[in-house]
Structure formats: C-alpha cells, structure tokens
Amino acid sequence: MAIVTWVPDDLLGTAGAAVAPTRNGSLSISDSYRFLNDGKVVLLAEKSGAGACTATVVTPATLRGLAVADPTYTVPATTGDVACGPFDPATCNDSSGYCSVTFSEITGLTAAVLRLP
C-alpha cells in the first residue's frame, strides 16, 4: 500500500479567473491518497466507469477515547460527479496536517483537490 500525496489547486477567488483542476487518474484501491488540509479543501471525484465507488476520508481523531467514524461519500457509476468537503482539520488531519482518502472502486475514476480562497 502506497501513500500518494496530492497538491491542491488553489482557486483564486477573482471574478473571471478559472482554474482547471488537476485530475488524478490511474488510481489504485490498495493506495491511500493524502493532501495538506487547512479546512478549505474539497475533493472532486468523477466516475466514468461501471460500478459505484465509495470514497472514505480517514479520521484519526478520537473523542473521549472513541474513534470518530470515517465519513464516506458515494460516487455513482458512469455519470457520477461529486464534491466532498471541506474537511475539519481537527477531525480529519493526521499529526502532519494531511487528510487521507481511500477509494473502493477505481474503474474510470478521477479525483482532484481544490483549495477554496
């Protein structure tokens, strides 16, 4: 299992300025993907292949000794296109400031991370 680091694309927040998100493809269900998270990052997942996908955000946080449940997001098959987040750093970040996500099915899946202004 590899840990793959993604760099969020920064949205400029300027009228008329557009950002083409970097679509990460060639994903693996055995890998974990991470990105620096300041609480203003969203994950875009698009599915063009058969089979729905579940994106799971890993939450290393605990509350009174109990693990916080990992949020999941369903990306529908073939025409699925979902935006997930932003993610609370206190809940979703590891000790290095990264938020991690895994995918249950990767056929035709691309993902991008965007940082809001």
PDB file of N, CA and C in Angstrom:
ATOM      1  N   MET A   1       0.844  -1.180   0.000  1.00  0.00           N
ATOM      2  CA  MET A   1       0.000   0.000   0.000  1.00  0.00           C
ATOM      3  C   MET A   1       0.886   1.239   0.000  1.00  0.00           C
ATOM      4  N   ALA A   2       0.727   2.053  -1.010  1.00  0.00           N
ATOM      5  CA  ALA A   2       1.494   3.293  -1.120  1.00  0.00           C
ATOM      6  C   ALA A   2       0.652   4.462  -0.625  1.00  0.00           C
ATOM      7  N   ILE A   3       1.335   5.486  -0.143  1.00  0.00           N
ATOM      8  CA  ILE A   3       0.673   6.734   0.220  1.00  0.00           C
ATOM      9  C   ILE A   3       1.046   7.746  -0.851  1.00  0.00           C
ATOM     10  N   VAL A   4       0.052   8.237  -1.568  1.00  0.00           N
ATOM     11  CA  VAL A   4       0.265   9.173  -2.669  1.00  0.00           C
ATOM     12  C   VAL A   4      -0.168  10.561  -2.204  1.00  0.00           C
ATOM     13  N   THR A   5       0.709  11.544  -2.370  1.00  0.00           N
ATOM     14  CA  THR A   5       0.413  12.908  -1.946  1.00  0.00           C
ATOM     15  C   THR A   5      -0.042  13.741  -3.132  1.00  0.00           C
ATOM     16  N   TRP A   6      -1.183  14.385  -2.969  1.00  0.00           N
ATOM     17  CA  TRP A   6      -1.709  15.301  -3.972  1.00  0.00           C
ATOM     18  C   TRP A   6      -1.544  16.732  -3.484  1.00  0.00           C
ATOM     19  N   VAL A   7      -1.325  17.651  -4.409  1.00  0.00           N
ATOM     20  CA  VAL A   7      -1.219  19.072  -4.088  1.00  0.00           C
ATOM     21  C   VAL A   7      -2.502  19.751  -4.559  1.00  0.00           C
ATOM     22  N   PRO A   8      -3.252  20.377  -3.644  1.00  0.00           N
ATOM     23  CA  PRO A   8      -4.497  21.037  -4.048  1.00  0.00           C
ATOM     24  C   PRO A   8      -4.241  22.183  -5.026  1.00  0.00           C
ATOM     25  N   ASP A   9      -5.151  22.339  -5.982  1.00  0.00           N
ATOM     26  CA  ASP A   9      -5.147  23.501  -6.868  1.00  0.00           C
ATOM     27  C   ASP A   9      -5.827  24.636  -6.121  1.00  0.00           C
ATOM     28  N   ASP A  10      -5.229  25.814  -6.123  1.00  0.00           N
ATOM     29  CA  ASP A  10      -5.783  26.965  -5.422  1.00  0.00           C
ATOM     30  C   ASP A  10      -6.761  27.713  -6.312  1.00  0.00           C
ATOM     31  N   LEU A  11      -8.007  27.842  -5.831  1.00  0.00           N
ATOM     32  CA  LEU A  11      -8.966  28.699  -6.515  1.00  0.00           C
ATOM     33  C   LEU A  11      -8.605  30.133  -6.174  1.00  0.00           C
ATOM     34  N   LEU A  12      -8.671  31.014  -7.144  1.00  0.00           N
ATOM     35  CA  LEU A  12      -8.180  32.370  -6.960  1.00  0.00           C
ATOM     36  C   LEU A  12      -9.175  33.297  -6.287  1.00  0.00           C
ATOM     37  N   GLY A  13     -10.462  33.012  -6.431  1.00  0.00           N
ATOM     38  CA  GLY A  13     -11.468  33.877  -5.850  1.00  0.00           C
ATOM     39  C   GLY A  13     -11.602  35.204  -6.566  1.00  0.00           C
ATOM     40  N   THR A  14     -11.074  35.277  -7.783  1.00  0.00           N
ATOM     41  CA  THR A  14     -11.111  36.502  -8.569  1.00  0.00           C
ATOM     42  C   THR A  14     -12.161  36.347  -9.670  1.00  0.00           C
ATOM     43  N   ALA A  15     -12.981  37.360  -9.845  1.00  0.00           N
ATOM     44  CA  ALA A  15     -14.012  37.309 -10.886  1.00  0.00           C
ATOM     45  C   ALA A  15     -13.362  37.061 -12.244  1.00  0.00           C
ATOM     46  N   GLY A  16     -13.900  36.113 -12.964  1.00  0.00           N
ATOM     47  CA  GLY A  16     -13.418  35.825 -14.306  1.00  0.00           C
ATOM     48  C   GLY A  16     -12.261  34.846 -14.359  1.00  0.00           C
ATOM     49  N   ALA A  17     -11.598  34.611 -13.224  1.00  0.00           N
ATOM     50  CA  ALA A  17     -10.465  33.683 -13.224  1.00  0.00           C
ATOM     51  C   ALA A  17     -10.980  32.262 -12.996  1.00  0.00           C
ATOM     52  N   ALA A  18     -10.540  31.340 -13.808  1.00  0.00           N
ATOM     53  CA  ALA A  18     -10.952  29.941 -13.685  1.00  0.00           C
ATOM     54  C   ALA A  18      -9.727  29.070 -13.479  1.00  0.00           C
ATOM     55  N   VAL A  19      -9.910  27.989 -12.767  1.00  0.00           N
ATOM     56  CA  VAL A  19      -8.838  27.029 -12.531  1.00  0.00           C
ATOM     57  C   VAL A  19      -9.296  25.685 -13.062  1.00  0.00           C
ATOM     58  N   ALA A  20      -8.495  25.095 -13.935  1.00  0.00           N
ATOM     59  CA  ALA A  20      -8.784  23.748 -14.412  1.00  0.00           C
ATOM     60  C   ALA A  20      -8.186  22.780 -13.397  1.00  0.00           C
ATOM     61  N   PRO A  21      -9.023  22.012 -12.694  1.00  0.00           N
ATOM     62  CA  PRO A  21      -8.485  21.127 -11.661  1.00  0.00           C
ATOM     63  C   PRO A  21      -7.601  20.034 -12.247  1.00  0.00           C
ATOM     64  N   THR A  22      -6.558  19.707 -11.519  1.00  0.00           N
ATOM     65  CA  THR A  22      -5.674  18.614 -11.901  1.00  0.00           C
ATOM     66  C   THR A  22      -6.394  17.312 -11.585  1.00  0.00           C
ATOM     67  N   ARG A  23      -6.794  16.584 -12.612  1.00  0.00           N
ATOM     68  CA  ARG A  23      -7.499  15.313 -12.433  1.00  0.00           C
ATOM     69  C   ARG A  23      -6.476  14.199 -12.258  1.00  0.00           C
ATOM     70  N   ASN A  24      -6.510  13.570 -11.108  1.00  0.00           N
ATOM     71  CA  ASN A  24      -5.609  12.461 -10.816  1.00  0.00           C
ATOM     72  C   ASN A  24      -6.292  11.171 -11.224  1.00  0.00           C
ATOM     73  N   GLY A  25      -5.680  10.453 -12.152  1.00  0.00           N
ATOM     74  CA  GLY A  25      -6.205   9.174 -12.619  1.00  0.00           C
ATOM     75  C   GLY A  25      -5.229   8.066 -12.275  1.00  0.00           C
ATOM     76  N   SER A  26      -5.393   6.919 -12.882  1.00  0.00           N
ATOM     77  CA  SER A  26      -4.540   5.754 -12.621  1.00  0.00           C
ATOM     78  C   SER A  26      -4.447   5.473 -11.126  1.00  0.00           C
ATOM     79  N   LEU A  27      -5.618   5.451 -10.479  1.00  0.00           N
ATOM     80  CA  LEU A  27      -5.682   5.225  -9.043  1.00  0.00           C
ATOM     81  C   LEU A  27      -5.642   3.739  -8.731  1.00  0.00           C
ATOM     82  N   SER A  28      -5.367   3.419  -7.483  1.00  0.00           N
ATOM     83  CA  SER A  28      -5.328   2.030  -7.026  1.00  0.00           C
ATOM     84  C   SER A  28      -6.140   1.903  -5.745  1.00  0.00           C
ATOM     85  N   ILE A  29      -6.932   0.841  -5.621  1.00  0.00           N
ATOM     86  CA  ILE A  29      -7.705   0.660  -4.395  1.00  0.00           C
ATOM     87  C   ILE A  29      -6.810   0.278  -3.222  1.00  0.00           C
ATOM     88  N   SER A  30      -5.584  -0.145  -3.493  1.00  0.00           N
ATOM     89  CA  SER A  30      -4.685  -0.503  -2.392  1.00  0.00           C
ATOM     90  C   SER A  30      -3.887   0.694  -1.887  1.00  0.00           C
ATOM     91  N   ASP A  31      -3.991   1.835  -2.560  1.00  0.00           N
ATOM     92  CA  ASP A  31      -3.258   3.035  -2.149  1.00  0.00           C
ATOM     93  C   ASP A  31      -4.132   3.953  -1.304  1.00  0.00           C
ATOM     94  N   SER A  32      -3.465   4.814  -0.555  1.00  0.00           N
ATOM     95  CA  SER A  32      -4.119   5.872   0.207  1.00  0.00           C
ATOM     96  C   SER A  32      -3.645   7.189  -0.385  1.00  0.00           C
ATOM     97  N   TYR A  33      -4.541   8.144  -0.507  1.00  0.00           N
ATOM     98  CA  TYR A  33      -4.219   9.435  -1.109  1.00  0.00           C
ATOM     99  C   TYR A  33      -4.366  10.513  -0.040  1.00  0.00           C
ATOM    100  N   ARG A  34      -3.438  11.452  -0.019  1.00  0.00           N
ATOM    101  CA  ARG A  34      -3.482  12.478   1.015  1.00  0.00           C
ATOM    102  C   ARG A  34      -3.174  13.848   0.427  1.00  0.00           C
ATOM    103  N   PHE A  35      -3.604  14.878   1.165  1.00  0.00           N
ATOM    104  CA  PHE A  35      -3.361  16.259   0.761  1.00  0.00           C
ATOM    105  C   PHE A  35      -3.316  17.110   2.012  1.00  0.00           C
ATOM    106  N   LEU A  36      -2.513  18.182   1.959  1.00  0.00           N
ATOM    107  CA  LEU A  36      -2.486  19.113   3.075  1.00  0.00           C
ATOM    108  C   LEU A  36      -3.848  19.768   3.183  1.00  0.00           C
ATOM    109  N   ASN A  37      -4.362  19.831   4.411  1.00  0.00           N
ATOM    110  CA  ASN A  37      -5.725  20.309   4.610  1.00  0.00           C
ATOM    111  C   ASN A  37      -5.742  21.431   5.636  1.00  0.00           C
ATOM    112  N   ASP A  38      -6.226  22.591   5.205  1.00  0.00           N
ATOM    113  CA  ASP A  38      -6.365  23.734   6.102  1.00  0.00           C
ATOM    114  C   ASP A  38      -7.826  24.025   6.413  1.00  0.00           C
ATOM    115  N   GLY A  39      -8.711  23.094   6.082  1.00  0.00           N
ATOM    116  CA  GLY A  39     -10.137  23.285   6.321  1.00  0.00           C
ATOM    117  C   GLY A  39     -10.857  23.945   5.163  1.00  0.00           C
ATOM    118  N   LYS A  40     -10.118  24.282   4.109  1.00  0.00           N
ATOM    119  CA  LYS A  40     -10.726  24.922   2.939  1.00  0.00           C
ATOM    120  C   LYS A  40     -10.474  24.112   1.672  1.00  0.00           C
ATOM    121  N   VAL A  41     -10.319  22.796   1.826  1.00  0.00           N
ATOM    122  CA  VAL A  41     -10.028  21.933   0.685  1.00  0.00           C
ATOM    123  C   VAL A  41     -11.239  21.037   0.415  1.00  0.00           C
ATOM    124  N   VAL A  42     -11.584  20.904  -0.868  1.00  0.00           N
ATOM    125  CA  VAL A  42     -12.654  19.999  -1.280  1.00  0.00           C
ATOM    126  C   VAL A  42     -12.083  18.967  -2.245  1.00  0.00           C
ATOM    127  N   LEU A  43     -12.691  17.804  -2.236  1.00  0.00           N
ATOM    128  CA  LEU A  43     -12.316  16.702  -3.110  1.00  0.00           C
ATOM    129  C   LEU A  43     -13.384  16.559  -4.176  1.00  0.00           C
ATOM    130  N   LEU A  44     -12.978  16.555  -5.433  1.00  0.00           N
ATOM    131  CA  LEU A  44     -13.890  16.304  -6.551  1.00  0.00           C
ATOM    132  C   LEU A  44     -13.597  14.908  -7.074  1.00  0.00           C
ATOM    133  N   ALA A  45     -14.629  14.077  -7.166  1.00  0.00           N
ATOM    134  CA  ALA A  45     -14.463  12.721  -7.684  1.00  0.00           C
ATOM    135  C   ALA A  45     -15.429  12.531  -8.841  1.00  0.00           C
ATOM    136  N   GLU A  46     -14.921  11.991  -9.947  1.00  0.00           N
ATOM    137  CA  GLU A  46     -15.739  11.780 -11.134  1.00  0.00           C
ATOM    138  C   GLU A  46     -15.581  10.342 -11.590  1.00  0.00           C
ATOM    139  N   LYS A  47     -16.695   9.695 -11.862  1.00  0.00           N
ATOM    140  CA  LYS A  47     -16.701   8.288 -12.244  1.00  0.00           C
ATOM    141  C   LYS A  47     -17.273   8.147 -13.633  1.00  0.00           C
ATOM    142  N   SER A  48     -16.462   7.641 -14.578  1.00  0.00           N
ATOM    143  CA  SER A  48     -16.952   7.404 -15.927  1.00  0.00           C
ATOM    144  C   SER A  48     -17.049   5.914 -16.225  1.00  0.00           C
ATOM    145  N   GLY A  49     -16.633   5.070 -15.284  1.00  0.00           N
ATOM    146  CA  GLY A  49     -16.678   3.625 -15.487  1.00  0.00           C
ATOM    147  C   GLY A  49     -17.815   2.973 -14.727  1.00  0.00           C
ATOM    148  N   ALA A  50     -18.032   1.696 -15.043  1.00  0.00           N
ATOM    149  CA  ALA A  50     -19.090   0.934 -14.388  1.00  0.00           C
ATOM    150  C   ALA A  50     -18.738   0.711 -12.923  1.00  0.00           C
ATOM    151  N   GLY A  51     -19.736   0.623 -12.108  1.00  0.00           N
ATOM    152  CA  GLY A  51     -19.545   0.352 -10.688  1.00  0.00           C
ATOM    153  C   GLY A  51     -19.409   1.624  -9.876  1.00  0.00           C
ATOM    154  N   ALA A  52     -20.253   1.765  -8.876  1.00  0.00           N
ATOM    155  CA  ALA A  52     -20.166   2.916  -7.977  1.00  0.00           C
ATOM    156  C   ALA A  52     -18.916   2.796  -7.118  1.00  0.00           C
ATOM    157  N   CYS A  53     -18.522   3.906  -6.532  1.00  0.00           N
ATOM    158  CA  CYS A  53     -17.316   3.961  -5.709  1.00  0.00           C
ATOM    159  C   CYS A  53     -17.662   4.614  -4.378  1.00  0.00           C
ATOM    160  N   THR A  54     -17.024   4.154  -3.335  1.00  0.00           N
ATOM    161  CA  THR A  54     -17.132   4.812  -2.038  1.00  0.00           C
ATOM    162  C   THR A  54     -15.786   5.452  -1.730  1.00  0.00           C
ATOM    163  N   ALA A  55     -15.805   6.761  -1.507  1.00  0.00           N
ATOM    164  CA  ALA A  55     -14.604   7.478  -1.061  1.00  0.00           C
ATOM    165  C   ALA A  55     -14.703   7.587   0.455  1.00  0.00           C
ATOM    166  N   THR A  56     -13.675   7.135   1.149  1.00  0.00           N
ATOM    167  CA  THR A  56     -13.661   7.158   2.611  1.00  0.00           C
ATOM    168  C   THR A  56     -12.561   8.085   3.088  1.00  0.00           C
ATOM    169  N   VAL A  57     -12.939   9.083   3.878  1.00  0.00           N
ATOM    170  CA  VAL A  57     -11.976  10.008   4.465  1.00  0.00           C
ATOM    171  C   VAL A  57     -11.581   9.441   5.827  1.00  0.00           C
ATOM    172  N   VAL A  58     -10.287   9.245   6.013  1.00  0.00           N
ATOM    173  CA  VAL A  58      -9.778   8.657   7.254  1.00  0.00           C
ATOM    174  C   VAL A  58      -9.759   9.715   8.347  1.00  0.00           C
ATOM    175  N   THR A  59     -10.376   9.413   9.469  1.00  0.00           N
ATOM    176  CA  THR A  59     -10.385  10.346  10.599  1.00  0.00           C
ATOM    177  C   THR A  59      -9.561   9.753  11.737  1.00  0.00           C
ATOM    178  N   PRO A  60      -8.349  10.275  11.955  1.00  0.00           N
ATOM    179  CA  PRO A  60      -7.519   9.755  13.036  1.00  0.00           C
ATOM    180  C   PRO A  60      -7.934  10.271  14.413  1.00  0.00           C
ATOM    181  N   ALA A  61      -8.914  11.162  14.469  1.00  0.00           N
ATOM    182  CA  ALA A  61      -9.318  11.784  15.731  1.00  0.00           C
ATOM    183  C   ALA A  61     -10.099  10.814  16.618  1.00  0.00           C
ATOM    184  N   THR A  62     -10.028  11.067  17.904  1.00  0.00           N
ATOM    185  CA  THR A  62     -10.850  10.349  18.873  1.00  0.00           C
ATOM    186  C   THR A  62     -11.549  11.374  19.761  1.00  0.00           C
ATOM    187  N   LEU A  63     -12.662  10.968  20.319  1.00  0.00           N
ATOM    188  CA  LEU A  63     -13.411  11.809  21.233  1.00  0.00           C
ATOM    189  C   LEU A  63     -13.696  10.979  22.479  1.00  0.00           C
ATOM    190  N   ARG A  64     -13.125  11.393  23.599  1.00  0.00           N
ATOM    191  CA  ARG A  64     -13.252  10.650  24.859  1.00  0.00           C
ATOM    192  C   ARG A  64     -12.840   9.194  24.700  1.00  0.00           C
ATOM    193  N   GLY A  65     -11.773   8.972  23.937  1.00  0.00           N
ATOM    194  CA  GLY A  65     -11.242   7.639  23.745  1.00  0.00           C
ATOM    195  C   GLY A  65     -11.913   6.810  22.668  1.00  0.00           C
ATOM    196  N   LEU A  66     -12.945   7.337  22.052  1.00  0.00           N
ATOM    197  CA  LEU A  66     -13.642   6.613  20.996  1.00  0.00           C
ATOM    198  C   LEU A  66     -13.253   7.174  19.635  1.00  0.00           C
ATOM    199  N   ALA A  67     -13.055   6.286  18.674  1.00  0.00           N
ATOM    200  CA  ALA A  67     -12.684   6.707  17.326  1.00  0.00           C
ATOM    201  C   ALA A  67     -13.841   7.456  16.666  1.00  0.00           C
ATOM    202  N   VAL A  68     -13.527   8.523  15.956  1.00  0.00           N
ATOM    203  CA  VAL A  68     -14.517   9.259  15.182  1.00  0.00           C
ATOM    204  C   VAL A  68     -14.755   8.478  13.889  1.00  0.00           C
ATOM    205  N   ALA A  69     -16.009   8.273  13.540  1.00  0.00           N
ATOM    206  CA  ALA A  69     -16.353   7.496  12.341  1.00  0.00           C
ATOM    207  C   ALA A  69     -15.825   8.177  11.081  1.00  0.00           C
ATOM    208  N   ASP A  70     -15.295   7.369  10.176  1.00  0.00           N
ATOM    209  CA  ASP A  70     -14.802   7.879   8.896  1.00  0.00           C
ATOM    210  C   ASP A  70     -15.986   8.262   8.010  1.00  0.00           C
ATOM    211  N   PRO A  71     -16.055   9.521   7.536  1.00  0.00           N
ATOM    212  CA  PRO A  71     -17.140   9.871   6.615  1.00  0.00           C
ATOM    213  C   PRO A  71     -16.929   9.197   5.263  1.00  0.00           C
ATOM    214  N   THR A  72     -18.022   8.793   4.641  1.00  0.00           N
ATOM    215  CA  THR A  72     -17.963   8.172   3.317  1.00  0.00           C
ATOM    216  C   THR A  72     -18.822   8.944   2.342  1.00  0.00           C
ATOM    217  N   TYR A  73     -18.425   8.905   1.086  1.00  0.00           N
ATOM    218  CA  TYR A  73     -19.130   9.606   0.016  1.00  0.00           C
ATOM    219  C   TYR A  73     -19.299   8.626  -1.137  1.00  0.00           C
ATOM    220  N   THR A  74     -20.516   8.541  -1.672  1.00  0.00           N
ATOM    221  CA  THR A  74     -20.790   7.637  -2.782  1.00  0.00           C
ATOM    222  C   THR A  74     -20.645   8.383  -4.098  1.00  0.00           C
ATOM    223  N   VAL A  75     -19.832   7.809  -4.986  1.00  0.00           N
ATOM    224  CA  VAL A  75     -19.665   8.342  -6.336  1.00  0.00           C
ATOM    225  C   VAL A  75     -20.394   7.369  -7.263  1.00  0.00           C
ATOM    226  N   PRO A  76     -21.544   7.773  -7.840  1.00  0.00           N
ATOM    227  CA  PRO A  76     -22.332   6.862  -8.668  1.00  0.00           C
ATOM    228  C   PRO A  76     -21.559   6.395  -9.912  1.00  0.00           C
ATOM    229  N   ALA A  77     -21.928   5.224 -10.393  1.00  0.00           N
ATOM    230  CA  ALA A  77     -21.302   4.666 -11.594  1.00  0.00           C
ATOM    231  C   ALA A  77     -21.601   5.502 -12.824  1.00  0.00           C
ATOM    232  N   THR A  78     -20.710   5.449 -13.771  1.00  0.00           N
ATOM    233  CA  THR A  78     -20.827   6.008 -15.115  1.00  0.00           C
ATOM    234  C   THR A  78     -20.933   7.525 -15.177  1.00  0.00           C
ATOM    235  N   THR A  79     -21.899   8.118 -14.529  1.00  0.00           N
ATOM    236  CA  THR A  79     -22.065   9.565 -14.633  1.00  0.00           C
ATOM    237  C   THR A  79     -21.840  10.264 -13.295  1.00  0.00           C
ATOM    238  N   GLY A  80     -21.223   9.570 -12.364  1.00  0.00           N
ATOM    239  CA  GLY A  80     -21.038  10.142 -11.032  1.00  0.00           C
ATOM    240  C   GLY A  80     -20.036  11.276 -11.022  1.00  0.00           C
ATOM    241  N   ASP A  81     -20.376  12.355 -10.363  1.00  0.00           N
ATOM    242  CA  ASP A  81     -19.502  13.502 -10.220  1.00  0.00           C
ATOM    243  C   ASP A  81     -19.898  14.159  -8.900  1.00  0.00           C
ATOM    244  N   VAL A  82     -19.070  14.039  -7.873  1.00  0.00           N
ATOM    245  CA  VAL A  82     -19.425  14.566  -6.559  1.00  0.00           C
ATOM    246  C   VAL A  82     -18.305  15.448  -6.013  1.00  0.00           C
ATOM    247  N   ALA A  83     -18.709  16.402  -5.176  1.00  0.00           N
ATOM    248  CA  ALA A  83     -17.766  17.247  -4.442  1.00  0.00           C
ATOM    249  C   ALA A  83     -17.916  16.894  -2.967  1.00  0.00           C
ATOM    250  N   CYS A  84     -16.810  16.691  -2.291  1.00  0.00           N
ATOM    251  CA  CYS A  84     -16.804  16.295  -0.884  1.00  0.00           C
ATOM    252  C   CYS A  84     -15.968  17.294  -0.088  1.00  0.00           C
ATOM    253  N   GLY A  85     -16.447  17.636   1.104  1.00  0.00           N
ATOM    254  CA  GLY A  85     -15.695  18.541   1.954  1.00  0.00           C
ATOM    255  C   GLY A  85     -16.361  19.895   2.012  1.00  0.00           C
ATOM    256  N   PRO A  86     -15.725  20.883   2.592  1.00  0.00           N
ATOM    257  CA  PRO A  86     -14.374  20.861   3.150  1.00  0.00           C
ATOM    258  C   PRO A  86     -14.300  19.983   4.402  1.00  0.00           C
ATOM    259  N   PHE A  87     -13.072  19.669   4.816  1.00  0.00           N
ATOM    260  CA  PHE A  87     -12.819  18.725   5.883  1.00  0.00           C
ATOM    261  C   PHE A  87     -12.252  19.443   7.106  1.00  0.00           C
ATOM    262  N   ASP A  88     -12.851  19.197   8.263  1.00  0.00           N
ATOM    263  CA  ASP A  88     -12.421  19.823   9.513  1.00  0.00           C
ATOM    264  C   ASP A  88     -11.036  19.297   9.898  1.00  0.00           C
ATOM    265  N   PRO A  89     -10.032  20.163   9.973  1.00  0.00           N
ATOM    266  CA  PRO A  89      -8.679  19.704  10.313  1.00  0.00           C
ATOM    267  C   PRO A  89      -8.603  18.989  11.663  1.00  0.00           C
ATOM    268  N   ALA A  90      -9.387  19.408  12.640  1.00  0.00           N
ATOM    269  CA  ALA A  90      -9.335  18.789  13.965  1.00  0.00           C
ATOM    270  C   ALA A  90      -9.794  17.331  13.930  1.00  0.00           C
ATOM    271  N   THR A  91     -10.631  17.000  12.972  1.00  0.00           N
ATOM    272  CA  THR A  91     -11.172  15.649  12.863  1.00  0.00           C
ATOM    273  C   THR A  91     -10.451  14.822  11.808  1.00  0.00           C
ATOM    274  N   CYS A  92     -10.142  15.440  10.674  1.00  0.00           N
ATOM    275  CA  CYS A  92      -9.674  14.687   9.508  1.00  0.00           C
ATOM    276  C   CYS A  92      -8.168  14.696   9.283  1.00  0.00           C
ATOM    277  N   ASN A  93      -7.425  15.573   9.955  1.00  0.00           N
ATOM    278  CA  ASN A  93      -5.992  15.655   9.693  1.00  0.00           C
ATOM    279  C   ASN A  93      -5.195  14.723  10.594  1.00  0.00           C
ATOM    280  N   ASP A  94      -4.086  14.209  10.034  1.00  0.00           N
ATOM    281  CA  ASP A  94      -3.142  13.477  10.866  1.00  0.00           C
ATOM    282  C   ASP A  94      -2.212  14.479  11.551  1.00  0.00           C
ATOM    283  N   SER A  95      -1.227  14.009  12.280  1.00  0.00           N
ATOM    284  CA  SER A  95      -0.344  14.901  13.039  1.00  0.00           C
ATOM    285  C   SER A  95       0.528  15.780  12.154  1.00  0.00           C
ATOM    286  N   SER A  96       0.614  15.465  10.859  1.00  0.00           N
ATOM    287  CA  SER A  96       1.409  16.269   9.920  1.00  0.00           C
ATOM    288  C   SER A  96       0.553  17.243   9.119  1.00  0.00           C
ATOM    289  N   GLY A  97      -0.757  17.284   9.373  1.00  0.00           N
ATOM    290  CA  GLY A  97      -1.642  18.214   8.678  1.00  0.00           C
ATOM    291  C   GLY A  97      -2.250  17.673   7.399  1.00  0.00           C
ATOM    292  N   TYR A  98      -2.118  16.372   7.164  1.00  0.00           N
ATOM    293  CA  TYR A  98      -2.665  15.770   5.951  1.00  0.00           C
ATOM    294  C   TYR A  98      -4.012  15.107   6.216  1.00  0.00           C
ATOM    295  N   CYS A  99      -4.893  15.200   5.245  1.00  0.00           N
ATOM    296  CA  CYS A  99      -6.174  14.491   5.222  1.00  0.00           C
ATOM    297  C   CYS A  99      -6.009  13.353   4.216  1.00  0.00           C
ATOM    298  N   SER A 100      -6.450  12.152   4.576  1.00  0.00           N
ATOM    299  CA  SER A 100      -6.281  10.985   3.703  1.00  0.00           C
ATOM    300  C   SER A 100      -7.620  10.437   3.248  1.00  0.00           C
ATOM    301  N   VAL A 101      -7.626   9.891   2.032  1.00  0.00           N
ATOM    302  CA  VAL A 101      -8.845   9.311   1.458  1.00  0.00           C
ATOM    303  C   VAL A 101      -8.472   8.016   0.731  1.00  0.00           C
ATOM    304  N   THR A 102      -9.402   7.047   0.773  1.00  0.00           N
ATOM    305  CA  THR A 102      -9.249   5.801   0.024  1.00  0.00           C
ATOM    306  C   THR A 102     -10.493   5.624  -0.851  1.00  0.00           C
ATOM    307  N   PHE A 103     -10.363   4.781  -1.871  1.00  0.00           N
ATOM    308  CA  PHE A 103     -11.456   4.543  -2.808  1.00  0.00           C
ATOM    309  C   PHE A 103     -11.717   3.046  -2.917  1.00  0.00           C
ATOM    310  N   SER A 104     -12.998   2.666  -2.978  1.00  0.00           N
ATOM    311  CA  SER A 104     -13.363   1.249  -3.028  1.00  0.00           C
ATOM    312  C   SER A 104     -13.355   0.675  -4.440  1.00  0.00           C
ATOM    313  N   GLU A 105     -13.449   1.514  -5.439  1.00  0.00           N
ATOM    314  CA  GLU A 105     -13.535   1.075  -6.836  1.00  0.00           C
ATOM    315  C   GLU A 105     -12.962   2.182  -7.697  1.00  0.00           C
ATOM    316  N   ILE A 106     -12.065   1.854  -8.621  1.00  0.00           N
ATOM    317  CA  ILE A 106     -11.339   2.916  -9.330  1.00  0.00           C
ATOM    318  C   ILE A 106     -11.497   2.882 -10.849  1.00  0.00           C
ATOM    319  N   THR A 107     -12.321   1.986 -11.391  1.00  0.00           N
ATOM    320  CA  THR A 107     -12.501   1.918 -12.835  1.00  0.00           C
ATOM    321  C   THR A 107     -13.125   3.222 -13.340  1.00  0.00           C
ATOM    322  N   GLY A 108     -12.391   3.952 -14.162  1.00  0.00           N
ATOM    323  CA  GLY A 108     -12.889   5.203 -14.717  1.00  0.00           C
ATOM    324  C   GLY A 108     -12.991   6.334 -13.709  1.00  0.00           C
ATOM    325  N   LEU A 109     -12.285   6.222 -12.589  1.00  0.00           N
ATOM    326  CA  LEU A 109     -12.349   7.244 -11.540  1.00  0.00           C
ATOM    327  C   LEU A 109     -11.199   8.235 -11.676  1.00  0.00           C
ATOM    328  N   THR A 110     -11.531   9.516 -11.589  1.00  0.00           N
ATOM    329  CA  THR A 110     -10.515  10.551 -11.453  1.00  0.00           C
ATOM    330  C   THR A 110     -10.896  11.396 -10.244  1.00  0.00           C
ATOM    331  N   ALA A 111      -9.891  12.006  -9.629  1.00  0.00           N
ATOM    332  CA  ALA A 111     -10.138  12.828  -8.450  1.00  0.00           C
ATOM    333  C   ALA A 111      -9.247  14.055  -8.505  1.00  0.00           C
ATOM    334  N   ALA A 112      -9.749  15.140  -7.946  1.00  0.00           N
ATOM    335  CA  ALA A 112      -8.997  16.399  -7.882  1.00  0.00           C
ATOM    336  C   ALA A 112      -9.233  17.009  -6.504  1.00  0.00           C
ATOM    337  N   VAL A 113      -8.260  17.772  -6.041  1.00  0.00           N
ATOM    338  CA  VAL A 113      -8.430  18.510  -4.781  1.00  0.00           C
ATOM    339  C   VAL A 113      -8.252  19.993  -5.068  1.00  0.00           C
ATOM    340  N   LEU A 114      -9.190  20.794  -4.533  1.00  0.00           N
ATOM    341  CA  LEU A 114      -9.187  22.241  -4.739  1.00  0.00           C
ATOM    342  C   LEU A 114      -9.203  22.938  -3.392  1.00  0.00           C
ATOM    343  N   ARG A 115      -8.408  23.994  -3.265  1.00  0.00           N
ATOM    344  CA  ARG A 115      -8.414  24.809  -2.054  1.00  0.00           C
ATOM    345  C   ARG A 115      -9.233  26.069  -2.322  1.00  0.00           C
ATOM    346  N   LEU A 116     -10.225  26.281  -1.485  1.00  0.00           N
ATOM    347  CA  LEU A 116     -11.082  27.460  -1.611  1.00  0.00           C
ATOM    348  C   LEU A 116     -10.325  28.702  -1.137  1.00  0.00           C
ATOM    349  N   PRO A 117     -10.645  29.880  -1.704  1.00  0.00           N
ATOM    350  CA  PRO A 117      -9.939  31.097  -1.277  1.00  0.00           C
ATOM    351  C   PRO A 117     -10.347  31.507   0.132  1.00  0.00           C
TER     352      PRO A 117
END
